[in-house]
């Protein structure tokens, strides 16, 4: 029985591999990595930085960042029976506005997907005279209704919580610029209706003792509700003489005031070490985008983009990761305050 509790629906057949006997870290990689390789289907050079959720028939469905051999990135639906072997639709995801007219983004990348009540929301980086956050909803992964962009440019890494908090939808984001942003903290915004967003709060700043998050940070998968608060995986970036390096970090946010950080791990929980993470279209990238988690077993599977070339999978348990965060907690700036 787990020491800590995940608060979510039970998952019968989630992907899982037991922790290797010689593993001393809180997270371990799948032996099947990368689970989506280069040139996965005709005309697609790379699929990476993608979001996965469970589907109502016990299978898995996802929205994937796909890059063709000649065009800008787009989103594409994928399906899997086991969460590891994926089959992708032969065309890009199409969106309509609320009147049913076509409204496709000029480009789309780094999606996240979250289920709230009986709807699934897709959040991605879109084009709006510069990078901005796009938002769409679906009930069947066939019809995607695009909503108004939550914020003006420049903004990236939009991540919604899986339920309302204090009667408001909640979204994490990171202010950016028009290029490869050399700065960035995580902020929280709220909305009563998915149209008007406000009550903006600072959540976490980059930096701290860890070299791996000294340049910027950004949200990852939808936060996981637990007995300790909201478990948030995120990416941290440092600048080296050979370019940016993206690693995965973890923190726990207050359940009722998620702009308040309860615990923040000074150590990364995964950093580029394998060839498929260190070498690729953009080398040295671990970029978490989705989790599958089961409250009965305490198991957590994390999907992450590797080197802007692959989709990879890692595992942990609620006890392993929460204990590790607490044991390596550091206070950074005013992260422990409500972010008004």
C-alpha atoms as a PDB file:
ATOM      1  CA  UNK A   1       0.000   0.000   0.000  1.00  0.00           C
ATOM      2  CA  UNK A   2       1.283   3.454  -0.910  1.00  0.00           C
ATOM      3  CA  UNK A   3       2.276   5.946   1.762  1.00  0.00           C
ATOM      4  CA  UNK A   4       0.814   8.765  -0.364  1.00  0.00           C
ATOM      5  CA  UNK A   5      -2.413   8.754  -2.342  1.00  0.00           C
ATOM      6  CA  UNK A   6      -3.088   9.662  -5.974  1.00  0.00           C
ATOM      7  CA  UNK A   7      -6.565  11.133  -6.447  1.00  0.00           C
ATOM      8  CA  UNK A   8      -7.814  10.067  -9.883  1.00  0.00           C
ATOM      9  CA  UNK A   9      -9.594   7.291 -11.751  1.00  0.00           C
ATOM     10  CA  UNK A  10      -8.090   3.797 -11.560  1.00  0.00           C
ATOM     11  CA  UNK A  11      -6.214   2.564 -14.640  1.00  0.00           C
ATOM     12  CA  UNK A  12      -6.343  -1.195 -15.186  1.00  0.00           C
ATOM     13  CA  UNK A  13      -3.769  -1.648 -17.925  1.00  0.00           C
ATOM     14  CA  UNK A  14      -1.383   1.272 -17.672  1.00  0.00           C
ATOM     15  CA  UNK A  15       2.106   0.726 -19.114  1.00  0.00           C
ATOM     16  CA  UNK A  16       4.519  -0.387 -16.440  1.00  0.00           C
ATOM     17  CA  UNK A  17       7.967  -1.877 -15.832  1.00  0.00           C
ATOM     18  CA  UNK A  18       9.223  -2.640 -12.340  1.00  0.00           C
ATOM     19  CA  UNK A  19      12.114  -0.638 -10.951  1.00  0.00           C
ATOM     20  CA  UNK A  20      15.468  -2.246 -11.866  1.00  0.00           C
ATOM     21  CA  UNK A  21      17.290  -3.754  -8.896  1.00  0.00           C
ATOM     22  CA  UNK A  22      20.347  -1.560  -9.422  1.00  0.00           C
ATOM     23  CA  UNK A  23      18.367   1.686  -9.823  1.00  0.00           C
ATOM     24  CA  UNK A  24      19.003   4.207  -7.033  1.00  0.00           C
ATOM     25  CA  UNK A  25      17.187   7.098  -8.705  1.00  0.00           C
ATOM     26  CA  UNK A  26      13.492   7.975  -8.207  1.00  0.00           C
ATOM     27  CA  UNK A  27      12.705   7.461 -11.918  1.00  0.00           C
ATOM     28  CA  UNK A  28      13.695   4.815 -14.463  1.00  0.00           C
ATOM     29  CA  UNK A  29      13.450   4.580 -18.250  1.00  0.00           C
ATOM     30  CA  UNK A  30      11.489   2.069 -20.285  1.00  0.00           C
ATOM     31  CA  UNK A  31      13.493  -0.707 -21.905  1.00  0.00           C
ATOM     32  CA  UNK A  32      11.417  -0.024 -25.040  1.00  0.00           C
ATOM     33  CA  UNK A  33      12.737   3.541 -25.468  1.00  0.00           C
ATOM     34  CA  UNK A  34      12.356   5.348 -27.684  1.00  0.00           C
ATOM     35  CA  UNK A  35       8.772   4.147 -28.097  1.00  0.00           C
ATOM     36  CA  UNK A  36       8.249   6.370 -31.174  1.00  0.00           C
ATOM     37  CA  UNK A  37      11.288   6.472 -33.429  1.00  0.00           C
ATOM     38  CA  UNK A  38      12.306   8.679 -36.358  1.00  0.00           C
ATOM     39  CA  UNK A  39      10.299   8.439 -39.600  1.00  0.00           C
ATOM     40  CA  UNK A  40       7.435   6.614 -37.831  1.00  0.00           C
ATOM     41  CA  UNK A  41       5.064   6.842 -40.816  1.00  0.00           C
ATOM     42  CA  UNK A  42       5.304   7.946 -44.421  1.00  0.00           C
ATOM     43  CA  UNK A  43       6.044  11.658 -44.781  1.00  0.00           C
ATOM     44  CA  UNK A  44       6.664  12.239 -41.054  1.00  0.00           C
ATOM     45  CA  UNK A  45      10.282  12.826 -40.058  1.00  0.00           C
ATOM     46  CA  UNK A  46       9.817  13.122 -36.300  1.00  0.00           C
ATOM     47  CA  UNK A  47       7.147  12.781 -33.594  1.00  0.00           C
ATOM     48  CA  UNK A  48       8.022  14.082 -30.114  1.00  0.00           C
ATOM     49  CA  UNK A  49       6.837  16.318 -27.224  1.00  0.00           C
ATOM     50  CA  UNK A  50       3.400  14.699 -27.214  1.00  0.00           C
ATOM     51  CA  UNK A  51       0.428  14.144 -24.890  1.00  0.00           C
ATOM     52  CA  UNK A  52      -1.238  10.838 -23.971  1.00  0.00           C
ATOM     53  CA  UNK A  53      -4.424  10.050 -22.015  1.00  0.00           C
ATOM     54  CA  UNK A  54      -6.469   6.951 -21.252  1.00  0.00           C
ATOM     55  CA  UNK A  55      -9.503   6.294 -23.408  1.00  0.00           C
ATOM     56  CA  UNK A  56     -12.927   5.018 -22.377  1.00  0.00           C
ATOM     57  CA  UNK A  57     -12.454   1.502 -23.819  1.00  0.00           C
ATOM     58  CA  UNK A  58      -9.312   0.831 -21.797  1.00  0.00           C
ATOM     59  CA  UNK A  59      -6.934   1.822 -24.577  1.00  0.00           C
ATOM     60  CA  UNK A  60      -4.817   4.954 -24.950  1.00  0.00           C
ATOM     61  CA  UNK A  61      -5.147   7.968 -27.197  1.00  0.00           C
ATOM     62  CA  UNK A  62      -2.908  10.958 -27.698  1.00  0.00           C
ATOM     63  CA  UNK A  63      -2.247  14.190 -29.514  1.00  0.00           C
ATOM     64  CA  UNK A  64       1.253  14.166 -30.968  1.00  0.00           C
ATOM     65  CA  UNK A  65       3.599  16.808 -32.288  1.00  0.00           C
ATOM     66  CA  UNK A  66       4.416  15.745 -35.831  1.00  0.00           C
ATOM     67  CA  UNK A  67       6.926  17.289 -38.224  1.00  0.00           C
ATOM     68  CA  UNK A  68       6.785  16.384 -41.890  1.00  0.00           C
ATOM     69  CA  UNK A  69       9.684  16.313 -44.280  1.00  0.00           C
ATOM     70  CA  UNK A  70       8.841  19.809 -45.557  1.00  0.00           C
ATOM     71  CA  UNK A  71       6.236  21.751 -43.512  1.00  0.00           C
ATOM     72  CA  UNK A  72       5.778  23.410 -40.134  1.00  0.00           C
ATOM     73  CA  UNK A  73       4.806  21.245 -37.128  1.00  0.00           C
ATOM     74  CA  UNK A  74       1.223  20.099 -36.718  1.00  0.00           C
ATOM     75  CA  UNK A  75      -0.834  17.941 -34.351  1.00  0.00           C
ATOM     76  CA  UNK A  76      -1.871  14.380 -35.118  1.00  0.00           C
ATOM     77  CA  UNK A  77      -3.986  11.824 -33.238  1.00  0.00           C
ATOM     78  CA  UNK A  78      -2.426   8.495 -32.247  1.00  0.00           C
ATOM     79  CA  UNK A  79      -3.921   5.366 -30.674  1.00  0.00           C
ATOM     80  CA  UNK A  80      -2.450   2.464 -28.723  1.00  0.00           C
ATOM     81  CA  UNK A  81      -3.659  -0.677 -26.955  1.00  0.00           C
ATOM     82  CA  UNK A  82      -0.786  -0.755 -24.485  1.00  0.00           C
ATOM     83  CA  UNK A  83       0.543   2.831 -24.353  1.00  0.00           C
ATOM     84  CA  UNK A  84       3.804   1.761 -25.985  1.00  0.00           C
ATOM     85  CA  UNK A  85       3.088   0.718 -29.576  1.00  0.00           C
ATOM     86  CA  UNK A  86       1.375   3.569 -31.420  1.00  0.00           C
ATOM     87  CA  UNK A  87      -0.589   3.921 -34.634  1.00  0.00           C
ATOM     88  CA  UNK A  88      -1.069   7.384 -36.096  1.00  0.00           C
ATOM     89  CA  UNK A  89      -3.807   8.819 -38.254  1.00  0.00           C
ATOM     90  CA  UNK A  90      -2.825   9.501 -41.854  1.00  0.00           C
ATOM     91  CA  UNK A  91      -3.716  13.197 -41.701  1.00  0.00           C
ATOM     92  CA  UNK A  92      -3.272  16.076 -39.300  1.00  0.00           C
ATOM     93  CA  UNK A  93      -5.778  16.945 -36.620  1.00  0.00           C
ATOM     94  CA  UNK A  94      -8.465  19.304 -37.990  1.00  0.00           C
ATOM     95  CA  UNK A  95     -10.096  22.014 -35.888  1.00  0.00           C
ATOM     96  CA  UNK A  96     -13.323  23.989 -36.225  1.00  0.00           C
ATOM     97  CA  UNK A  97     -14.622  27.066 -34.441  1.00  0.00           C
ATOM     98  CA  UNK A  98     -17.745  26.967 -32.270  1.00  0.00           C
ATOM     99  CA  UNK A  99     -19.950  27.523 -35.339  1.00  0.00           C
ATOM    100  CA  UNK A 100     -18.414  24.520 -37.096  1.00  0.00           C
ATOM    101  CA  UNK A 101     -16.240  26.425 -39.586  1.00  0.00           C
ATOM    102  CA  UNK A 102     -12.677  25.307 -40.221  1.00  0.00           C
ATOM    103  CA  UNK A 103     -10.145  27.014 -37.927  1.00  0.00           C
ATOM    104  CA  UNK A 104      -6.808  25.289 -38.137  1.00  0.00           C
ATOM    105  CA  UNK A 105      -3.659  26.796 -36.619  1.00  0.00           C
ATOM    106  CA  UNK A 106      -0.873  27.955 -38.908  1.00  0.00           C
ATOM    107  CA  UNK A 107       1.447  25.784 -36.853  1.00  0.00           C
ATOM    108  CA  UNK A 108       1.027  23.742 -33.673  1.00  0.00           C
ATOM    109  CA  UNK A 109       3.493  22.081 -31.336  1.00  0.00           C
ATOM    110  CA  UNK A 110       4.155  20.730 -27.826  1.00  0.00           C
ATOM    111  CA  UNK A 111       0.560  19.711 -26.987  1.00  0.00           C
ATOM    112  CA  UNK A 112      -0.805  18.766 -23.599  1.00  0.00           C
ATOM    113  CA  UNK A 113      -4.147  17.011 -23.102  1.00  0.00           C
ATOM    114  CA  UNK A 114      -6.228  16.957 -19.929  1.00  0.00           C
ATOM    115  CA  UNK A 115      -9.637  15.470 -19.143  1.00  0.00           C
ATOM    116  CA  UNK A 116     -11.967  17.705 -17.119  1.00  0.00           C
ATOM    117  CA  UNK A 117     -15.355  16.135 -16.358  1.00  0.00           C
ATOM    118  CA  UNK A 118     -16.503  14.573 -19.680  1.00  0.00           C
ATOM    119  CA  UNK A 119     -14.383  16.690 -22.039  1.00  0.00           C
ATOM    120  CA  UNK A 120     -10.776  16.594 -23.155  1.00  0.00           C
ATOM    121  CA  UNK A 121      -8.857  19.828 -23.611  1.00  0.00           C
ATOM    122  CA  UNK A 122      -5.879  20.211 -25.923  1.00  0.00           C
ATOM    123  CA  UNK A 123      -3.421  22.999 -25.134  1.00  0.00           C
ATOM    124  CA  UNK A 124      -0.555  23.709 -27.523  1.00  0.00           C
ATOM    125  CA  UNK A 125       1.766  26.428 -28.778  1.00  0.00           C
ATOM    126  CA  UNK A 126       0.103  28.168 -31.703  1.00  0.00           C
ATOM    127  CA  UNK A 127       0.746  31.139 -33.953  1.00  0.00           C
ATOM    128  CA  UNK A 128      -0.900  34.482 -33.194  1.00  0.00           C
ATOM    129  CA  UNK A 129       1.564  37.027 -34.628  1.00  0.00           C
ATOM    130  CA  UNK A 130       4.101  35.230 -32.505  1.00  0.00           C
ATOM    131  CA  UNK A 131       3.992  32.088 -30.338  1.00  0.00           C
ATOM    132  CA  UNK A 132       0.914  31.931 -28.117  1.00  0.00           C
ATOM    133  CA  UNK A 133      -1.160  29.299 -26.328  1.00  0.00           C
ATOM    134  CA  UNK A 134      -3.936  27.579 -28.271  1.00  0.00           C
ATOM    135  CA  UNK A 135      -6.908  25.835 -26.679  1.00  0.00           C
ATOM    136  CA  UNK A 136      -9.400  23.323 -28.083  1.00  0.00           C
ATOM    137  CA  UNK A 137     -11.871  20.779 -26.709  1.00  0.00           C
ATOM    138  CA  UNK A 138     -13.144  17.392 -27.830  1.00  0.00           C
ATOM    139  CA  UNK A 139     -15.281  14.540 -26.570  1.00  0.00           C
ATOM    140  CA  UNK A 140     -14.418  11.960 -29.216  1.00  0.00           C
ATOM    141  CA  UNK A 141     -10.968  12.895 -30.643  1.00  0.00           C
ATOM    142  CA  UNK A 142     -12.673  13.294 -34.008  1.00  0.00           C
ATOM    143  CA  UNK A 143     -14.184  16.773 -33.734  1.00  0.00           C
ATOM    144  CA  UNK A 144     -11.940  19.376 -32.139  1.00  0.00           C
ATOM    145  CA  UNK A 145     -13.575  22.702 -31.332  1.00  0.00           C
ATOM    146  CA  UNK A 146     -11.014  25.459 -31.113  1.00  0.00           C
ATOM    147  CA  UNK A 147     -11.610  28.145 -28.489  1.00  0.00           C
ATOM    148  CA  UNK A 148     -10.182  31.640 -28.292  1.00  0.00           C
ATOM    149  CA  UNK A 149      -6.521  31.847 -27.315  1.00  0.00           C
ATOM    150  CA  UNK A 150      -6.238  32.362 -23.543  1.00  0.00           C
ATOM    151  CA  UNK A 151      -3.446  34.947 -23.736  1.00  0.00           C
ATOM    152  CA  UNK A 152      -1.704  37.284 -26.156  1.00  0.00           C
ATOM    153  CA  UNK A 153       1.816  36.470 -27.414  1.00  0.00           C
ATOM    154  CA  UNK A 154       4.396  35.678 -26.349  1.00  0.00           C
ATOM    155  CA  UNK A 155       3.584  32.618 -24.281  1.00  0.00           C
ATOM    156  CA  UNK A 156       4.308  28.889 -24.255  1.00  0.00           C
ATOM    157  CA  UNK A 157       3.862  25.719 -22.201  1.00  0.00           C
ATOM    158  CA  UNK A 158       0.162  26.014 -21.427  1.00  0.00           C
ATOM    159  CA  UNK A 159      -0.869  23.269 -18.992  1.00  0.00           C
ATOM    160  CA  UNK A 160      -4.351  22.917 -17.454  1.00  0.00           C
ATOM    161  CA  UNK A 161      -5.197  21.289 -14.140  1.00  0.00           C
ATOM    162  CA  UNK A 162      -7.543  18.248 -14.320  1.00  0.00           C
ATOM    163  CA  UNK A 163     -10.323  19.936 -12.346  1.00  0.00           C
ATOM    164  CA  UNK A 164     -11.533  23.356 -11.310  1.00  0.00           C
ATOM    165  CA  UNK A 165     -10.016  24.832  -8.152  1.00  0.00           C
ATOM    166  CA  UNK A 166     -12.060  27.405  -6.248  1.00  0.00           C
ATOM    167  CA  UNK A 167     -14.644  27.231  -9.084  1.00  0.00           C
ATOM    168  CA  UNK A 168     -12.118  28.281 -11.729  1.00  0.00           C
ATOM    169  CA  UNK A 169     -10.233  26.488 -14.471  1.00  0.00           C
ATOM    170  CA  UNK A 170      -6.507  26.791 -13.843  1.00  0.00           C
ATOM    171  CA  UNK A 171      -3.699  27.021 -16.389  1.00  0.00           C
ATOM    172  CA  UNK A 172       0.064  27.130 -15.999  1.00  0.00           C
ATOM    173  CA  UNK A 173       2.094  29.017 -18.600  1.00  0.00           C
ATOM    174  CA  UNK A 174       5.483  30.599 -19.225  1.00  0.00           C
ATOM    175  CA  UNK A 175       5.930  34.052 -20.702  1.00  0.00           C
ATOM    176  CA  UNK A 176       8.440  33.984 -23.547  1.00  0.00           C
ATOM    177  CA  UNK A 177       9.689  35.928 -26.550  1.00  0.00           C
ATOM    178  CA  UNK A 178       9.552  35.282 -30.283  1.00  0.00           C
ATOM    179  CA  UNK A 179      12.570  32.981 -30.359  1.00  0.00           C
ATOM    180  CA  UNK A 180      14.504  30.560 -28.183  1.00  0.00           C
ATOM    181  CA  UNK A 181      13.654  32.400 -25.003  1.00  0.00           C
ATOM    182  CA  UNK A 182      16.623  32.851 -22.608  1.00  0.00           C
ATOM    183  CA  UNK A 183      14.371  33.412 -19.569  1.00  0.00           C
ATOM    184  CA  UNK A 184      11.122  32.221 -18.025  1.00  0.00           C
ATOM    185  CA  UNK A 185       9.238  31.420 -14.825  1.00  0.00           C
ATOM    186  CA  UNK A 186       6.014  29.447 -14.336  1.00  0.00           C
ATOM    187  CA  UNK A 187       2.807  31.434 -13.837  1.00  0.00           C
ATOM    188  CA  UNK A 188      -0.793  30.464 -13.054  1.00  0.00           C
ATOM    189  CA  UNK A 189      -3.944  31.998 -14.567  1.00  0.00           C
ATOM    190  CA  UNK A 190      -7.613  31.330 -13.820  1.00  0.00           C
ATOM    191  CA  UNK A 191     -10.869  31.411 -15.764  1.00  0.00           C
ATOM    192  CA  UNK A 192     -14.516  30.847 -14.835  1.00  0.00           C
ATOM    193  CA  UNK A 193     -15.554  30.073 -18.427  1.00  0.00           C
ATOM    194  CA  UNK A 194     -12.480  29.286 -20.591  1.00  0.00           C
ATOM    195  CA  UNK A 195     -12.908  32.686 -22.251  1.00  0.00           C
ATOM    196  CA  UNK A 196     -11.748  35.301 -19.772  1.00  0.00           C
ATOM    197  CA  UNK A 197      -8.464  34.567 -18.034  1.00  0.00           C
ATOM    198  CA  UNK A 198      -7.053  36.538 -15.133  1.00  0.00           C
ATOM    199  CA  UNK A 199      -6.018  36.425 -11.469  1.00  0.00           C
ATOM    200  CA  UNK A 200      -2.480  35.798 -12.715  1.00  0.00           C
ATOM    201  CA  UNK A 201      -0.125  34.401 -10.088  1.00  0.00           C
ATOM    202  CA  UNK A 202       3.598  33.688 -10.016  1.00  0.00           C
ATOM    203  CA  UNK A 203       4.271  30.049  -9.149  1.00  0.00           C
ATOM    204  CA  UNK A 204       7.972  29.245  -9.512  1.00  0.00           C
ATOM    205  CA  UNK A 205      11.090  31.045 -10.622  1.00  0.00           C
ATOM    206  CA  UNK A 206      14.042  29.579 -12.462  1.00  0.00           C
ATOM    207  CA  UNK A 207      17.302  29.184 -10.598  1.00  0.00           C
ATOM    208  CA  UNK A 208      17.935  27.777  -7.169  1.00  0.00           C
ATOM    209  CA  UNK A 209      20.946  25.643  -6.387  1.00  0.00           C
ATOM    210  CA  UNK A 210      20.468  23.391  -9.403  1.00  0.00           C
ATOM    211  CA  UNK A 211      22.509  24.265 -12.512  1.00  0.00           C
ATOM    212  CA  UNK A 212      19.977  22.354 -14.591  1.00  0.00           C
ATOM    213  CA  UNK A 213      17.195  24.963 -14.191  1.00  0.00           C
ATOM    214  CA  UNK A 214      19.184  28.169 -14.033  1.00  0.00           C
ATOM    215  CA  UNK A 215      17.996  29.658 -17.345  1.00  0.00           C
ATOM    216  CA  UNK A 216      14.243  28.977 -17.484  1.00  0.00           C
ATOM    217  CA  UNK A 217      11.524  26.550 -16.434  1.00  0.00           C
ATOM    218  CA  UNK A 218       8.162  25.533 -17.890  1.00  0.00           C
ATOM    219  CA  UNK A 219       5.202  23.321 -17.078  1.00  0.00           C
ATOM    220  CA  UNK A 220       5.084  19.696 -18.197  1.00  0.00           C
ATOM    221  CA  UNK A 221       2.155  17.281 -17.908  1.00  0.00           C
ATOM    222  CA  UNK A 222      -1.134  18.188 -16.243  1.00  0.00           C
ATOM    223  CA  UNK A 223      -0.453  18.229 -12.477  1.00  0.00           C
ATOM    224  CA  UNK A 224      -1.443  15.082 -10.580  1.00  0.00           C
ATOM    225  CA  UNK A 225      -3.705  15.522  -7.557  1.00  0.00           C
ATOM    226  CA  UNK A 226      -2.303  13.710  -4.507  1.00  0.00           C
ATOM    227  CA  UNK A 227      -2.792  13.623  -0.758  1.00  0.00           C
ATOM    228  CA  UNK A 228       0.257  15.919  -0.465  1.00  0.00           C
ATOM    229  CA  UNK A 229      -0.887  18.488  -3.036  1.00  0.00           C
ATOM    230  CA  UNK A 230      -0.486  18.832  -6.805  1.00  0.00           C
ATOM    231  CA  UNK A 231       2.482  16.829  -8.094  1.00  0.00           C
ATOM    232  CA  UNK A 232       3.975  18.824 -10.955  1.00  0.00           C
ATOM    233  CA  UNK A 233       6.639  17.577 -13.345  1.00  0.00           C
ATOM    234  CA  UNK A 234       8.270  20.369 -15.318  1.00  0.00           C
ATOM    235  CA  UNK A 235      11.261  21.075 -17.520  1.00  0.00           C
ATOM    236  CA  UNK A 236      14.270  23.083 -16.440  1.00  0.00           C
ATOM    237  CA  UNK A 237      16.802  24.536 -18.860  1.00  0.00           C
ATOM    238  CA  UNK A 238      20.433  25.536 -18.494  1.00  0.00           C
ATOM    239  CA  UNK A 239      22.729  27.196 -21.004  1.00  0.00           C
ATOM    240  CA  UNK A 240      26.048  25.533 -21.758  1.00  0.00           C
ATOM    241  CA  UNK A 241      28.894  26.231 -24.183  1.00  0.00           C
ATOM    242  CA  UNK A 242      27.204  23.670 -26.433  1.00  0.00           C
ATOM    243  CA  UNK A 243      23.689  25.097 -26.214  1.00  0.00           C
ATOM    244  CA  UNK A 244      20.587  24.559 -24.074  1.00  0.00           C
ATOM    245  CA  UNK A 245      20.076  21.389 -22.019  1.00  0.00           C
ATOM    246  CA  UNK A 246      16.526  20.393 -20.972  1.00  0.00           C
ATOM    247  CA  UNK A 247      15.993  18.252 -17.860  1.00  0.00           C
ATOM    248  CA  UNK A 248      12.942  17.126 -15.889  1.00  0.00           C
ATOM    249  CA  UNK A 249      12.186  18.449 -12.420  1.00  0.00           C
ATOM    250  CA  UNK A 250       9.410  17.871  -9.882  1.00  0.00           C
ATOM    251  CA  UNK A 251       7.581  19.927  -7.278  1.00  0.00           C
ATOM    252  CA  UNK A 252       4.437  19.780  -5.139  1.00  0.00           C
ATOM    253  CA  UNK A 253       1.985  22.689  -5.186  1.00  0.00           C
ATOM    254  CA  UNK A 254      -0.600  23.545  -2.537  1.00  0.00           C
ATOM    255  CA  UNK A 255      -3.917  21.814  -3.292  1.00  0.00           C
ATOM    256  CA  UNK A 256      -6.137  24.855  -2.683  1.00  0.00           C
ATOM    257  CA  UNK A 257      -3.659  27.608  -3.624  1.00  0.00           C
ATOM    258  CA  UNK A 258      -1.587  26.088  -6.443  1.00  0.00           C
ATOM    259  CA  UNK A 259       0.497  29.244  -6.884  1.00  0.00           C
ATOM    260  CA  UNK A 260       2.123  28.264  -3.583  1.00  0.00           C
ATOM    261  CA  UNK A 261       4.985  25.744  -3.756  1.00  0.00           C
ATOM    262  CA  UNK A 262       5.074  23.302  -0.820  1.00  0.00           C
ATOM    263  CA  UNK A 263       8.110  21.282  -1.904  1.00  0.00           C
ATOM    264  CA  UNK A 264      10.551  21.735  -4.774  1.00  0.00           C
ATOM    265  CA  UNK A 265      13.265  19.242  -5.624  1.00  0.00           C
ATOM    266  CA  UNK A 266      16.722  20.778  -6.013  1.00  0.00           C
ATOM    267  CA  UNK A 267      17.823  17.806  -8.128  1.00  0.00           C
ATOM    268  CA  UNK A 268      16.577  16.926 -11.577  1.00  0.00           C
ATOM    269  CA  UNK A 269      14.652  13.648 -11.737  1.00  0.00           C
ATOM    270  CA  UNK A 270      15.709  12.897 -15.323  1.00  0.00           C
ATOM    271  CA  UNK A 271      18.361  14.515 -17.512  1.00  0.00           C
ATOM    272  CA  UNK A 272      19.749  13.654 -20.975  1.00  0.00           C
ATOM    273  CA  UNK A 273      22.009  10.638 -20.530  1.00  0.00           C
ATOM    274  CA  UNK A 274      20.921   8.137 -23.172  1.00  0.00           C
ATOM    275  CA  UNK A 275      21.880   8.414 -26.834  1.00  0.00           C
ATOM    276  CA  UNK A 276      18.273   9.106 -27.907  1.00  0.00           C
ATOM    277  CA  UNK A 277      18.168  12.047 -25.444  1.00  0.00           C
ATOM    278  CA  UNK A 278      21.650  13.402 -26.134  1.00  0.00           C
ATOM    279  CA  UNK A 279      21.674  13.120 -29.943  1.00  0.00           C
ATOM    280  CA  UNK A 280      18.913  14.222 -32.281  1.00  0.00           C
ATOM    281  CA  UNK A 281      17.417  17.105 -34.220  1.00  0.00           C
ATOM    282  CA  UNK A 282      17.881  19.210 -31.061  1.00  0.00           C
ATOM    283  CA  UNK A 283      20.341  17.440 -28.805  1.00  0.00           C
ATOM    284  CA  UNK A 284      20.203  17.163 -25.006  1.00  0.00           C
ATOM    285  CA  UNK A 285      16.459  17.417 -24.449  1.00  0.00           C
ATOM    286  CA  UNK A 286      14.181  15.683 -21.942  1.00  0.00           C
ATOM    287  CA  UNK A 287      10.763  17.343 -22.247  1.00  0.00           C
ATOM    288  CA  UNK A 288       7.868  15.845 -20.194  1.00  0.00           C
ATOM    289  CA  UNK A 289       4.356  16.273 -21.618  1.00  0.00           C
ATOM    290  CA  UNK A 290       2.025  13.625 -20.166  1.00  0.00           C
ATOM    291  CA  UNK A 291       1.478  11.119 -17.375  1.00  0.00           C
ATOM    292  CA  UNK A 292      -0.649   8.026 -16.893  1.00  0.00           C
ATOM    293  CA  UNK A 293      -1.164   7.299 -13.185  1.00  0.00           C
ATOM    294  CA  UNK A 294      -3.086   4.782 -11.115  1.00  0.00           C
ATOM    295  CA  UNK A 295      -4.241   5.438  -7.524  1.00  0.00           C
ATOM    296  CA  UNK A 296      -4.611   1.742  -6.693  1.00  0.00           C
ATOM    297  CA  UNK A 297      -0.972   0.842  -7.321  1.00  0.00           C
ATOM    298  CA  UNK A 298       0.610   4.300  -7.002  1.00  0.00           C
ATOM    299  CA  UNK A 299       2.274   3.840 -10.393  1.00  0.00           C
ATOM    300  CA  UNK A 300       3.120   6.795 -12.654  1.00  0.00           C
ATOM    301  CA  UNK A 301       4.242   6.614 -16.302  1.00  0.00           C
ATOM    302  CA  UNK A 302       5.728   9.807 -17.796  1.00  0.00           C
ATOM    303  CA  UNK A 303       5.812  10.438 -21.543  1.00  0.00           C
ATOM    304  CA  UNK A 304       8.559  12.787 -22.647  1.00  0.00           C
ATOM    305  CA  UNK A 305      10.095  14.122 -25.814  1.00  0.00           C
ATOM    306  CA  UNK A 306      13.732  13.161 -26.380  1.00  0.00           C
ATOM    307  CA  UNK A 307      16.122  15.306 -28.434  1.00  0.00           C
ATOM    308  CA  UNK A 308      13.212  16.736 -30.478  1.00  0.00           C
ATOM    309  CA  UNK A 309      13.262  13.444 -32.361  1.00  0.00           C
ATOM    310  CA  UNK A 310      11.546  10.731 -30.296  1.00  0.00           C
ATOM    311  CA  UNK A 311       8.856   9.918 -27.757  1.00  0.00           C
ATOM    312  CA  UNK A 312      10.207   8.144 -24.688  1.00  0.00           C
ATOM    313  CA  UNK A 313       8.727   6.737 -21.495  1.00  0.00           C
ATOM    314  CA  UNK A 314       9.862   6.698 -17.859  1.00  0.00           C
ATOM    315  CA  UNK A 315       8.362   5.370 -14.645  1.00  0.00           C
ATOM    316  CA  UNK A 316       8.139   6.179 -10.967  1.00  0.00           C
ATOM    317  CA  UNK A 317       5.769   5.600  -8.052  1.00  0.00           C
ATOM    318  CA  UNK A 318       3.990   8.151  -5.928  1.00  0.00           C
ATOM    319  CA  UNK A 319       6.042   7.097  -2.894  1.00  0.00           C
ATOM    320  CA  UNK A 320       9.378   7.187  -4.732  1.00  0.00           C
ATOM    321  CA  UNK A 321       8.874  10.617  -6.246  1.00  0.00           C
ATOM    322  CA  UNK A 322       7.214  12.372  -3.285  1.00  0.00           C
ATOM    323  CA  UNK A 323       9.830  11.086  -0.832  1.00  0.00           C
ATOM    324  CA  UNK A 324      12.591  12.188  -3.222  1.00  0.00           C
ATOM    325  CA  UNK A 325      11.113  15.677  -3.590  1.00  0.00           C
ATOM    326  CA  UNK A 326      10.769  16.086   0.170  1.00  0.00           C
ATOM    327  CA  UNK A 327      14.240  14.731   0.939  1.00  0.00           C
ATOM    328  CA  UNK A 328      15.791  17.149  -1.571  1.00  0.00           C
ATOM    329  CA  UNK A 329      13.537  20.165  -1.014  1.00  0.00           C
ATOM    330  CA  UNK A 330      14.887  23.672  -1.459  1.00  0.00           C
ATOM    331  CA  UNK A 331      13.189  27.045  -1.062  1.00  0.00           C
ATOM    332  CA  UNK A 332      13.728  29.336  -4.030  1.00  0.00           C
ATOM    333  CA  UNK A 333      12.846  33.024  -3.860  1.00  0.00           C
ATOM    334  CA  UNK A 334       9.203  33.575  -2.932  1.00  0.00           C
ATOM    335  CA  UNK A 335       7.944  30.271  -4.330  1.00  0.00           C
ATOM    336  CA  UNK A 336       6.514  29.330  -0.941  1.00  0.00           C
ATOM    337  CA  UNK A 337       4.153  32.299  -0.943  1.00  0.00           C
ATOM    338  CA  UNK A 338       0.797  32.701  -2.672  1.00  0.00           C
ATOM    339  CA  UNK A 339       1.878  34.269  -5.939  1.00  0.00           C
ATOM    340  CA  UNK A 340      -0.078  37.531  -5.868  1.00  0.00           C
END
